């Protein structure tokens, strides 16, 4: 039973270490994306709405 307490305390310690490493990486700008905004303007991602083509019927006058 004491082994479970040791394993739980070790896993909590490791989880806290990973959380601190994640917070540190976010604060230092590790996950900032500087490349995508500069490339995004090169591609036209907006869907342009096309006006539906109207069928023109010509009536013959007799």
N, C-alpha and C. Protein backbone atom coordinates (compact mmCIF):
# COMPACT_ATOMS: atom_id res chain seq x y z
N UNK A 1 0.82 -1.21 0.00
CA UNK A 1 0.00 0.00 0.00
C UNK A 1 0.86 1.26 0.00
N UNK A 2 2.00 1.19 0.64
CA UNK A 2 2.87 2.37 0.68
C UNK A 2 3.47 2.67 -0.70
N UNK A 3 3.56 1.64 -1.57
CA UNK A 3 4.10 1.83 -2.91
C UNK A 3 3.17 2.74 -3.72
N UNK A 4 1.87 2.62 -3.51
CA UNK A 4 0.92 3.46 -4.23
C UNK A 4 1.11 4.92 -3.86
N UNK A 5 1.33 5.18 -2.57
CA UNK A 5 1.56 6.57 -2.13
C UNK A 5 2.82 7.14 -2.75
N UNK A 6 3.85 6.33 -2.87
CA UNK A 6 5.10 6.78 -3.48
C UNK A 6 4.89 7.08 -4.97
N UNK A 7 4.19 6.16 -5.66
CA UNK A 7 3.96 6.36 -7.09
C UNK A 7 3.08 7.58 -7.36
N UNK A 8 2.06 7.77 -6.54
CA UNK A 8 1.19 8.94 -6.72
C UNK A 8 1.96 10.23 -6.47
N UNK A 9 2.78 10.26 -5.44
CA UNK A 9 3.55 11.48 -5.15
C UNK A 9 4.58 11.75 -6.25
N UNK A 10 5.20 10.71 -6.79
CA UNK A 10 6.16 10.90 -7.88
C UNK A 10 5.44 11.40 -9.14
N UNK A 11 4.27 10.83 -9.45
CA UNK A 11 3.54 11.25 -10.64
C UNK A 11 3.04 12.69 -10.51
N UNK A 12 2.63 13.09 -9.33
CA UNK A 12 2.22 14.48 -9.12
C UNK A 12 3.41 15.41 -9.28
N UNK A 13 4.56 15.02 -8.78
CA UNK A 13 5.77 15.83 -8.91
C UNK A 13 6.16 15.99 -10.39
N UNK A 14 6.10 14.90 -11.16
CA UNK A 14 6.43 14.96 -12.59
C UNK A 14 5.42 15.83 -13.34
N UNK A 15 4.14 15.70 -12.99
CA UNK A 15 3.12 16.51 -13.64
C UNK A 15 3.34 18.00 -13.36
N UNK A 16 3.70 18.34 -12.16
CA UNK A 16 3.98 19.74 -11.81
C UNK A 16 5.20 20.24 -12.57
N UNK A 17 6.22 19.39 -12.73
CA UNK A 17 7.41 19.80 -13.49
C UNK A 17 7.06 20.07 -14.95
N UNK A 18 6.24 19.20 -15.56
CA UNK A 18 5.83 19.44 -16.95
C UNK A 18 4.97 20.69 -17.06
N UNK A 19 4.12 20.94 -16.10
CA UNK A 19 3.29 22.14 -16.13
C UNK A 19 4.14 23.40 -16.03
N UNK A 20 5.14 23.39 -15.17
CA UNK A 20 6.04 24.54 -15.03
C UNK A 20 6.84 24.74 -16.33
N UNK A 21 7.27 23.64 -16.95
CA UNK A 21 8.00 23.75 -18.22
C UNK A 21 7.10 24.31 -19.32
N UNK A 22 5.84 23.92 -19.34
CA UNK A 22 4.91 24.44 -20.32
C UNK A 22 4.66 25.92 -20.12
N UNK A 23 4.42 26.35 -18.89
CA UNK A 23 4.19 27.77 -18.60
C UNK A 23 5.42 28.60 -18.97
N UNK A 24 6.60 28.08 -18.68
CA UNK A 24 7.83 28.79 -19.03
C UNK A 24 7.98 28.93 -20.54
N UNK A 25 7.65 27.87 -21.28
CA UNK A 25 7.75 27.92 -22.74
C UNK A 25 6.75 28.91 -23.33
N UNK A 26 5.56 28.98 -22.77
CA UNK A 26 4.56 29.93 -23.28
C UNK A 26 4.98 31.37 -22.99
N UNK A 27 5.51 31.61 -21.82
CA UNK A 27 5.91 32.98 -21.46
C UNK A 27 7.11 33.47 -22.26
N UNK A 28 7.98 32.56 -22.68
CA UNK A 28 9.16 32.98 -23.44
C UNK A 28 8.89 33.05 -24.93
N UNK A 29 7.66 32.74 -25.35
CA UNK A 29 7.31 32.87 -26.76
C UNK A 29 7.63 31.66 -27.59
N UNK A 30 7.78 30.51 -26.98
CA UNK A 30 8.10 29.29 -27.70
C UNK A 30 7.02 28.93 -28.72
N UNK A 31 5.78 29.22 -28.41
CA UNK A 31 4.67 28.82 -29.27
C UNK A 31 4.15 29.96 -30.13
N UNK A 32 4.82 31.07 -30.19
CA UNK A 32 4.41 32.17 -31.05
C UNK A 32 4.71 31.81 -32.50
N UNK A 33 3.77 32.09 -33.36
CA UNK A 33 3.93 31.77 -34.77
C UNK A 33 4.17 33.06 -35.54
N UNK A 34 5.41 33.28 -35.91
CA UNK A 34 5.76 34.49 -36.64
C UNK A 34 5.70 34.28 -38.15
N UNK A 35 5.71 33.05 -38.60
CA UNK A 35 5.79 32.77 -40.03
C UNK A 35 4.43 32.82 -40.72
N UNK A 36 3.42 32.25 -40.12
CA UNK A 36 2.12 32.12 -40.78
C UNK A 36 1.47 33.46 -41.12
N UNK A 37 1.47 34.47 -40.26
CA UNK A 37 0.83 35.73 -40.65
C UNK A 37 1.45 36.37 -41.88
N UNK A 38 2.75 36.21 -42.06
CA UNK A 38 3.39 36.81 -43.23
C UNK A 38 3.04 36.06 -44.51
N UNK A 39 2.75 34.78 -44.41
CA UNK A 39 2.42 33.99 -45.59
C UNK A 39 0.92 34.04 -45.88
N UNK A 40 0.12 34.25 -44.87
CA UNK A 40 -1.33 34.23 -45.02
C UNK A 40 -1.81 35.27 -46.02
N UNK A 41 -1.13 36.40 -46.09
CA UNK A 41 -1.58 37.43 -47.02
C UNK A 41 -1.31 37.06 -48.48
N UNK A 42 -0.47 36.07 -48.72
CA UNK A 42 -0.16 35.67 -50.08
C UNK A 42 -1.24 34.78 -50.69
N UNK A 43 -2.00 34.13 -49.84
CA UNK A 43 -3.01 33.21 -50.32
C UNK A 43 -4.39 33.81 -50.11
N UNK A 44 -5.21 33.65 -51.10
CA UNK A 44 -6.56 34.20 -51.04
C UNK A 44 -7.49 33.12 -50.50
N UNK A 45 -7.71 33.14 -49.20
CA UNK A 45 -8.54 32.11 -48.59
C UNK A 45 -10.01 32.47 -48.60
N UNK A 46 -10.33 33.69 -48.90
CA UNK A 46 -11.72 34.09 -48.86
C UNK A 46 -12.47 33.48 -50.04
N UNK A 47 -13.62 32.98 -49.75
CA UNK A 47 -14.45 32.44 -50.82
C UNK A 47 -15.23 33.58 -51.45
N UNK A 48 -15.05 33.73 -52.70
CA UNK A 48 -15.74 34.80 -53.39
C UNK A 48 -17.09 34.28 -53.84
N UNK A 49 -18.11 35.02 -53.52
CA UNK A 49 -19.45 34.62 -53.91
C UNK A 49 -19.67 35.02 -55.36
N UNK A 50 -19.97 34.00 -56.14
CA UNK A 50 -20.24 34.26 -57.55
C UNK A 50 -21.73 34.50 -57.72
N UNK A 51 -22.03 35.46 -58.55
CA UNK A 51 -23.43 35.72 -58.83
C UNK A 51 -23.94 34.62 -59.76
N UNK A 52 -25.10 34.10 -59.46
CA UNK A 52 -25.62 33.04 -60.32
C UNK A 52 -25.86 33.55 -61.73
N UNK A 53 -25.49 32.75 -62.68
CA UNK A 53 -25.65 33.14 -64.07
C UNK A 53 -27.13 33.02 -64.45
N UNK A 54 -27.60 34.06 -65.05
CA UNK A 54 -28.99 34.06 -65.46
C UNK A 54 -29.08 33.58 -66.91
N UNK A 55 -30.00 32.70 -67.11
CA UNK A 55 -30.19 32.18 -68.46
C UNK A 55 -31.05 33.18 -69.22
N UNK A 56 -30.48 33.64 -70.28
CA UNK A 56 -31.22 34.61 -71.08
C UNK A 56 -31.93 33.86 -72.20
N UNK A 57 -33.20 34.03 -72.23
CA UNK A 57 -33.96 33.39 -73.30
C UNK A 57 -34.41 34.47 -74.27
N UNK A 58 -34.19 34.18 -75.48
CA UNK A 58 -34.59 35.13 -76.51
C UNK A 58 -35.89 34.64 -77.12
N UNK A 59 -36.85 35.48 -77.09
CA UNK A 59 -38.13 35.11 -77.67
C UNK A 59 -38.19 35.68 -79.08
N UNK A 60 -38.59 34.85 -79.96
CA UNK A 60 -38.70 35.29 -81.34
C UNK A 60 -40.06 35.94 -81.53
N UNK A 61 -39.99 37.08 -82.07
CA UNK A 61 -41.26 37.77 -82.34
C UNK A 61 -41.71 37.41 -83.75
N UNK A 62 -42.91 37.02 -83.83
CA UNK A 62 -43.45 36.62 -85.14
C UNK A 62 -44.25 37.71 -85.75
